[in-house]
Amino acid sequence: MSEWLTIVGMATVTYLLRYSLFAWPGLRFPPLVRQALHYVPIAVLSAIIVPGLLLPDGERLSLSLDNAYLLAGLACIVIAAWSRHLLATIGGGLLVFFLLRWAFGQLTL
C-alpha cells in the first residue's frame, strides 16, 4: 500500500509543479533561480551518463584502459569540442565505442 501511496504522491507533485507554469503564465523567477535552472540539463545528463561510463558492469568502478565505455565517452567529449556538431558527436562516439569493443575482444562481428 505504501508503494502506491508513494507513486500517487510523486505523480501529484509532478503534475502540480508542471501545471503551475500554465496556471500562472505571468510567474517570473528571481534571477538567481533562473541562473540555477540553466544548469539543470547538464546535471541531469551527467547523473545519467557518468555512472554508465565509470561502472560499465553496474557493480565495480572501472578506470582502466580496457573500459570501452569510458574511452568512447572521452572521445565524444573531444569530438564535441572539436566539431560542435551533435550528429558528428553521436556517430563518432558510436564508431569509437564499437571499434574499441571489437579491438578488446568484447564484440564479435
Protein backbone atom coordinates (compact mmCIF):
# COMPACT_ATOMS: atom_id res chain seq x y z
CA MET A 1 0.00 0.00 0.00
CA SER A 2 2.78 2.45 0.85
CA GLU A 3 4.37 1.92 -2.60
CA TRP A 4 1.15 3.01 -4.30
CA LEU A 5 0.83 5.98 -1.96
CA THR A 6 4.40 7.00 -2.84
CA ILE A 7 3.72 6.68 -6.58
CA VAL A 8 0.49 8.67 -6.37
CA GLY A 9 2.19 11.32 -4.24
CA MET A 10 5.09 11.70 -6.68
CA ALA A 11 2.70 11.88 -9.63
CA THR A 12 0.63 14.54 -7.87
CA VAL A 13 3.65 16.69 -7.03
CA THR A 14 4.99 16.36 -10.58
CA TYR A 15 1.62 17.26 -12.10
CA LEU A 16 1.10 20.27 -9.82
CA LEU A 17 4.59 21.63 -10.50
CA ARG A 18 4.14 21.35 -14.26
CA TYR A 19 0.57 22.64 -14.18
CA SER A 20 1.58 25.67 -12.14
CA LEU A 21 3.54 27.07 -15.08
CA PHE A 22 0.36 27.02 -17.18
CA ALA A 23 -1.92 28.21 -14.36
CA TRP A 24 0.18 31.31 -13.70
CA PRO A 25 1.78 32.31 -17.02
CA GLY A 26 2.94 35.64 -15.59
CA LEU A 27 5.05 33.92 -12.94
CA ARG A 28 8.63 35.16 -13.06
CA PHE A 29 11.53 33.61 -11.20
CA PRO A 30 14.23 35.65 -9.46
CA PRO A 31 17.47 35.99 -11.45
CA LEU A 32 19.33 33.61 -9.12
CA VAL A 33 16.75 30.85 -9.71
CA ARG A 34 16.79 31.42 -13.49
CA GLN A 35 20.59 31.21 -13.48
CA ALA A 36 20.47 27.96 -11.47
CA LEU A 37 17.89 26.45 -13.85
CA HIS A 38 20.38 26.77 -16.73
CA TYR A 39 22.48 24.04 -15.08
CA VAL A 40 19.64 21.52 -14.66
CA PRO A 41 20.04 19.77 -18.07
CA ILE A 42 23.80 19.38 -17.57
CA ALA A 43 23.31 17.98 -14.08
CA VAL A 44 20.62 15.53 -15.19
CA LEU A 45 22.58 14.28 -18.20
CA SER A 46 25.72 13.90 -16.08
CA ALA A 47 23.80 11.88 -13.49
CA ILE A 48 22.60 9.55 -16.25
CA ILE A 49 25.81 9.22 -18.28
CA VAL A 50 28.68 9.20 -15.76
CA PRO A 51 27.65 6.02 -13.90
CA GLY A 52 27.42 4.20 -17.23
CA LEU A 53 30.93 5.28 -18.15
CA LEU A 54 32.56 4.52 -14.81
CA LEU A 55 30.53 1.43 -13.81
CA PRO A 56 30.06 -0.46 -17.09
CA ASP A 57 29.08 -3.71 -15.35
CA GLY A 58 26.98 -1.88 -12.78
CA GLU A 59 28.97 -3.15 -9.82
CA ARG A 60 32.60 -2.07 -9.76
CA LEU A 61 34.43 1.10 -10.70
CA SER A 62 36.46 0.67 -13.90
CA LEU A 63 39.03 3.37 -14.63
CA SER A 64 41.28 1.12 -16.71
CA LEU A 65 42.28 1.46 -20.35
CA ASP A 66 40.17 -1.56 -21.32
CA ASN A 67 36.93 0.24 -20.44
CA ALA A 68 35.48 0.94 -23.89
CA TYR A 69 32.62 2.93 -22.36
CA LEU A 70 34.95 5.40 -20.66
CA LEU A 71 37.28 5.74 -23.65
CA ALA A 72 34.38 6.27 -26.04
CA GLY A 73 32.92 8.86 -23.65
CA LEU A 74 36.21 10.73 -23.63
CA ALA A 75 36.30 10.51 -27.44
CA CYS A 76 32.79 12.00 -27.53
CA ILE A 77 33.95 14.93 -25.43
CA VAL A 78 36.86 15.55 -27.82
CA ILE A 79 34.64 15.21 -30.92
CA ALA A 80 32.01 17.54 -29.46
CA ALA A 81 34.60 20.16 -28.50
CA TRP A 82 36.25 19.96 -31.90
CA SER A 83 33.21 19.76 -34.20
CA ARG A 84 30.38 21.38 -32.20
CA HIS A 85 28.06 19.11 -34.20
CA LEU A 86 25.64 16.78 -32.42
CA LEU A 87 25.36 14.18 -35.19
CA ALA A 88 29.15 14.02 -35.59
CA THR A 89 29.50 13.52 -31.84
CA ILE A 90 26.94 10.71 -31.73
CA GLY A 91 28.25 8.99 -34.86
CA GLY A 92 31.90 9.37 -33.90
CA GLY A 93 31.26 8.17 -30.38
CA LEU A 94 29.40 5.08 -31.59
CA LEU A 95 32.12 4.33 -34.11
CA VAL A 96 34.87 4.64 -31.48
CA PHE A 97 32.85 2.59 -29.00
CA PHE A 98 32.25 -0.33 -31.37
CA LEU A 99 35.82 -0.26 -32.69
CA LEU A 100 37.15 -0.37 -29.12
CA ARG A 101 34.81 -3.21 -28.16
CA TRP A 102 35.94 -5.13 -31.24
CA ALA A 103 39.63 -4.38 -30.55
CA PHE A 104 39.30 -5.51 -26.92
CA GLY A 105 37.60 -8.73 -27.99
CA GLN A 106 34.35 -7.79 -26.28
CA LEU A 107 32.37 -7.73 -29.55
CA THR A 108 32.30 -10.36 -32.21
CA LEU A 109 31.37 -9.48 -35.77
